[in-house]
N, C-alpha and C. Protein backbone atom coordinates (compact mmCIF):
# COMPACT_ATOMS: atom_id res chain seq x y z
N MET A 1 79.84 89.60 120.02
CA MET A 1 80.00 90.18 118.69
C MET A 1 81.47 90.57 118.49
N ARG A 2 82.01 90.22 117.33
CA ARG A 2 83.41 90.53 117.01
C ARG A 2 83.55 91.96 116.55
N PRO A 3 84.68 92.61 116.86
CA PRO A 3 84.93 93.97 116.38
C PRO A 3 85.06 94.00 114.86
N ALA A 4 84.79 95.16 114.27
CA ALA A 4 84.86 95.31 112.81
C ALA A 4 86.25 94.97 112.28
N ARG A 5 87.30 95.33 113.02
CA ARG A 5 88.67 95.04 112.58
C ARG A 5 88.86 93.54 112.41
N TYR A 6 88.30 92.74 113.32
CA TYR A 6 88.41 91.29 113.22
C TYR A 6 87.76 90.79 111.94
N ASN A 7 86.55 91.28 111.65
CA ASN A 7 85.84 90.84 110.46
C ASN A 7 86.60 91.20 109.19
N SER A 8 87.19 92.38 109.14
CA SER A 8 87.97 92.82 107.99
C SER A 8 89.19 91.94 107.81
N LEU A 9 89.91 91.65 108.89
CA LEU A 9 91.09 90.79 108.82
C LEU A 9 90.71 89.37 108.41
N LYS A 10 89.60 88.88 108.91
CA LYS A 10 89.13 87.54 108.58
C LYS A 10 88.84 87.44 107.08
N MET A 11 88.20 88.46 106.52
CA MET A 11 87.90 88.45 105.08
C MET A 11 89.19 88.48 104.27
N LYS A 12 90.16 89.31 104.68
CA LYS A 12 91.45 89.37 103.97
C LYS A 12 92.16 88.04 104.08
N ASP A 13 92.17 87.45 105.26
CA ASP A 13 92.83 86.17 105.45
C ASP A 13 92.19 85.09 104.57
N ASP A 14 90.88 85.09 104.49
CA ASP A 14 90.17 84.13 103.63
C ASP A 14 90.55 84.32 102.17
N ARG A 15 90.65 85.56 101.73
CA ARG A 15 91.03 85.84 100.33
C ARG A 15 92.47 85.41 100.07
N ILE A 16 93.37 85.66 101.03
CA ILE A 16 94.76 85.23 100.87
C ILE A 16 94.82 83.71 100.74
N LYS A 17 94.08 83.00 101.58
CA LYS A 17 94.06 81.54 101.50
C LYS A 17 93.53 81.08 100.14
N ASP A 18 92.49 81.75 99.65
CA ASP A 18 91.94 81.41 98.33
C ASP A 18 93.00 81.57 97.24
N PHE A 19 93.74 82.66 97.26
CA PHE A 19 94.78 82.90 96.27
C PHE A 19 95.91 81.87 96.41
N MET A 20 96.29 81.56 97.64
CA MET A 20 97.40 80.63 97.88
C MET A 20 97.10 79.21 97.43
N HIS A 21 95.84 78.80 97.59
CA HIS A 21 95.48 77.39 97.35
C HIS A 21 94.74 77.17 96.04
N ARG A 22 94.74 78.18 95.19
CA ARG A 22 94.09 78.03 93.88
C ARG A 22 94.79 76.94 93.09
N ALA A 23 94.00 76.10 92.44
CA ALA A 23 94.58 75.02 91.63
C ALA A 23 94.02 75.11 90.21
N PRO A 24 94.88 75.28 89.23
CA PRO A 24 96.32 75.45 89.37
C PRO A 24 96.65 76.83 89.94
N PHE A 25 97.81 76.93 90.55
CA PHE A 25 98.23 78.19 91.16
C PHE A 25 98.40 79.27 90.09
N VAL A 26 97.94 80.47 90.41
CA VAL A 26 98.10 81.63 89.54
C VAL A 26 98.84 82.70 90.33
N PRO A 27 99.95 83.23 89.80
CA PRO A 27 100.69 84.28 90.52
C PRO A 27 99.78 85.46 90.83
N PHE A 28 100.06 86.12 91.97
CA PHE A 28 99.25 87.28 92.35
C PHE A 28 100.12 88.31 93.04
N ASP A 29 99.60 89.54 93.06
CA ASP A 29 100.29 90.66 93.70
C ASP A 29 99.57 91.03 94.98
N ILE A 30 100.36 91.37 96.00
CA ILE A 30 99.83 91.92 97.25
C ILE A 30 100.20 93.39 97.26
N ARG A 31 99.20 94.26 97.34
CA ARG A 31 99.44 95.70 97.41
C ARG A 31 99.17 96.17 98.83
N THR A 32 100.11 96.96 99.37
CA THR A 32 99.96 97.45 100.74
C THR A 32 99.65 98.94 100.76
N SER A 33 99.25 99.43 101.91
CA SER A 33 98.82 100.83 102.04
C SER A 33 99.94 101.83 101.79
N ASP A 34 101.20 101.40 101.88
CA ASP A 34 102.32 102.31 101.61
C ASP A 34 102.74 102.30 100.15
N GLY A 35 101.97 101.59 99.29
CA GLY A 35 102.23 101.58 97.86
C GLY A 35 103.13 100.45 97.39
N ARG A 36 103.62 99.63 98.28
CA ARG A 36 104.49 98.53 97.87
C ARG A 36 103.67 97.41 97.23
N VAL A 37 104.33 96.70 96.32
CA VAL A 37 103.69 95.56 95.65
C VAL A 37 104.61 94.36 95.80
N TYR A 38 104.07 93.27 96.31
CA TYR A 38 104.81 92.03 96.47
C TYR A 38 104.20 91.00 95.53
N THR A 39 105.02 90.44 94.65
CA THR A 39 104.54 89.47 93.68
C THR A 39 104.78 88.06 94.19
N VAL A 40 103.71 87.31 94.34
CA VAL A 40 103.78 85.94 94.82
C VAL A 40 103.78 85.03 93.59
N ASP A 41 104.96 84.48 93.26
CA ASP A 41 105.10 83.62 92.09
C ASP A 41 104.87 82.15 92.38
N HIS A 42 104.86 81.79 93.65
CA HIS A 42 104.68 80.39 94.04
C HIS A 42 104.10 80.37 95.45
N PRO A 43 103.18 79.47 95.74
CA PRO A 43 102.56 79.46 97.09
C PRO A 43 103.54 79.19 98.22
N ASP A 44 104.67 78.56 97.92
CA ASP A 44 105.68 78.29 98.96
C ASP A 44 106.39 79.55 99.42
N PHE A 45 106.23 80.66 98.70
CA PHE A 45 106.89 81.91 99.05
C PHE A 45 106.09 82.73 100.06
N LEU A 46 104.98 82.18 100.55
CA LEU A 46 104.10 82.92 101.45
C LEU A 46 103.70 82.02 102.62
N ALA A 47 103.71 82.57 103.83
CA ALA A 47 103.27 81.84 105.02
C ALA A 47 102.37 82.74 105.84
N ARG A 48 101.25 82.21 106.29
CA ARG A 48 100.31 82.97 107.11
C ARG A 48 100.56 82.69 108.59
N SER A 49 100.34 83.70 109.42
CA SER A 49 100.40 83.48 110.86
C SER A 49 99.15 82.72 111.28
N ARG A 50 99.19 82.10 112.42
CA ARG A 50 98.04 81.32 112.89
C ARG A 50 96.79 82.17 113.06
N ASP A 51 96.97 83.40 113.53
CA ASP A 51 95.81 84.26 113.77
C ASP A 51 95.39 85.05 112.54
N GLY A 52 96.15 84.95 111.44
CA GLY A 52 95.80 85.64 110.21
C GLY A 52 96.13 87.12 110.21
N GLU A 53 96.81 87.62 111.24
CA GLU A 53 97.10 89.05 111.33
C GLU A 53 98.37 89.46 110.60
N SER A 54 99.16 88.49 110.17
CA SER A 54 100.36 88.83 109.39
C SER A 54 100.68 87.68 108.44
N ILE A 55 101.45 88.02 107.42
CA ILE A 55 101.96 87.01 106.51
C ILE A 55 103.45 87.25 106.33
N THR A 56 104.18 86.18 106.10
CA THR A 56 105.60 86.28 105.82
C THR A 56 105.77 85.97 104.34
N PHE A 57 106.42 86.89 103.65
CA PHE A 57 106.62 86.76 102.21
C PHE A 57 108.11 86.64 101.94
N TYR A 58 108.49 85.62 101.15
CA TYR A 58 109.88 85.41 100.76
C TYR A 58 110.05 85.87 99.32
N MET A 59 110.94 86.82 99.10
CA MET A 59 111.17 87.35 97.76
C MET A 59 111.88 86.30 96.92
N SER A 60 111.36 86.05 95.73
CA SER A 60 111.91 84.99 94.88
C SER A 60 113.25 85.37 94.26
N ASP A 61 113.51 86.67 94.11
CA ASP A 61 114.75 87.06 93.42
C ASP A 61 115.99 87.07 94.31
N ASP A 62 115.85 87.41 95.60
CA ASP A 62 117.04 87.48 96.45
C ASP A 62 116.86 86.82 97.82
N ASN A 63 115.75 86.10 98.00
CA ASN A 63 115.50 85.33 99.22
C ASN A 63 115.32 86.17 100.48
N ARG A 64 115.06 87.48 100.32
CA ARG A 64 114.75 88.30 101.50
C ARG A 64 113.38 87.91 102.03
N MET A 65 113.15 88.21 103.29
CA MET A 65 111.89 87.92 103.95
C MET A 65 111.25 89.23 104.41
N VAL A 66 109.95 89.35 104.20
CA VAL A 66 109.21 90.53 104.64
C VAL A 66 107.99 90.06 105.41
N ILE A 67 107.74 90.67 106.56
CA ILE A 67 106.52 90.38 107.31
C ILE A 67 105.54 91.50 107.04
N ILE A 68 104.35 91.13 106.55
CA ILE A 68 103.34 92.10 106.16
C ILE A 68 102.16 92.00 107.12
N ASP A 69 101.79 93.12 107.72
CA ASP A 69 100.60 93.18 108.57
C ASP A 69 99.38 93.09 107.66
N THR A 70 98.53 92.11 107.89
CA THR A 70 97.36 91.90 107.04
C THR A 70 96.48 93.14 106.98
N ALA A 71 96.43 93.92 108.05
CA ALA A 71 95.61 95.13 108.06
C ALA A 71 96.11 96.16 107.05
N GLN A 72 97.39 96.06 106.64
CA GLN A 72 97.95 97.01 105.68
C GLN A 72 97.76 96.60 104.22
N ILE A 73 97.18 95.42 103.99
CA ILE A 73 96.93 94.97 102.62
C ILE A 73 95.69 95.69 102.10
N VAL A 74 95.86 96.35 100.95
CA VAL A 74 94.73 97.08 100.35
C VAL A 74 94.17 96.37 99.13
N ALA A 75 94.95 95.46 98.52
CA ALA A 75 94.46 94.75 97.35
C ALA A 75 95.24 93.47 97.11
N LEU A 76 94.55 92.48 96.58
CA LEU A 76 95.15 91.26 96.06
C LEU A 76 94.71 91.19 94.61
N GLU A 77 95.68 91.05 93.70
CA GLU A 77 95.37 91.07 92.28
C GLU A 77 96.06 89.92 91.57
N LEU A 78 95.34 89.27 90.66
CA LEU A 78 95.97 88.24 89.84
C LEU A 78 97.04 88.88 88.97
N ALA A 79 98.17 88.23 88.88
CA ALA A 79 99.26 88.72 88.06
C ALA A 79 99.08 88.17 86.64
N ASN A 80 99.51 88.93 85.68
CA ASN A 80 99.36 88.53 84.28
C ASN A 80 100.69 87.96 83.77
N ARG A 81 101.10 86.83 84.36
CA ARG A 81 102.35 86.18 83.98
C ARG A 81 102.32 84.74 84.46
N PRO A 82 103.17 83.88 83.92
CA PRO A 82 103.20 82.48 84.34
C PRO A 82 103.78 82.34 85.74
N SER A 83 103.44 81.25 86.40
CA SER A 83 103.94 81.00 87.75
C SER A 83 105.33 80.38 87.71
N ALA A 84 105.99 80.38 88.87
CA ALA A 84 107.32 79.77 88.99
C ALA A 84 107.19 78.27 89.26
N ALA A 85 105.97 77.79 89.45
CA ALA A 85 105.76 76.37 89.77
C ALA A 85 105.99 75.47 88.59
């Protein structure tokens, strides 16, 4: 039997994949437990780790990179704006 943390991370990882591979792509926001919001304007700006425990997000405005622990994601929300694609 898998630990509860694994199941929670697996569900988040599945939702992230759903948002990333939506066709046509729709921009979305990643909200973290510290209150930060990362706007994903294009699927190429996001990369998942193999184990699903982290994602790498590339900021579209200044090309900075942020590594986000999947356990710290509290919400994924569709953005109300056009995509960069």
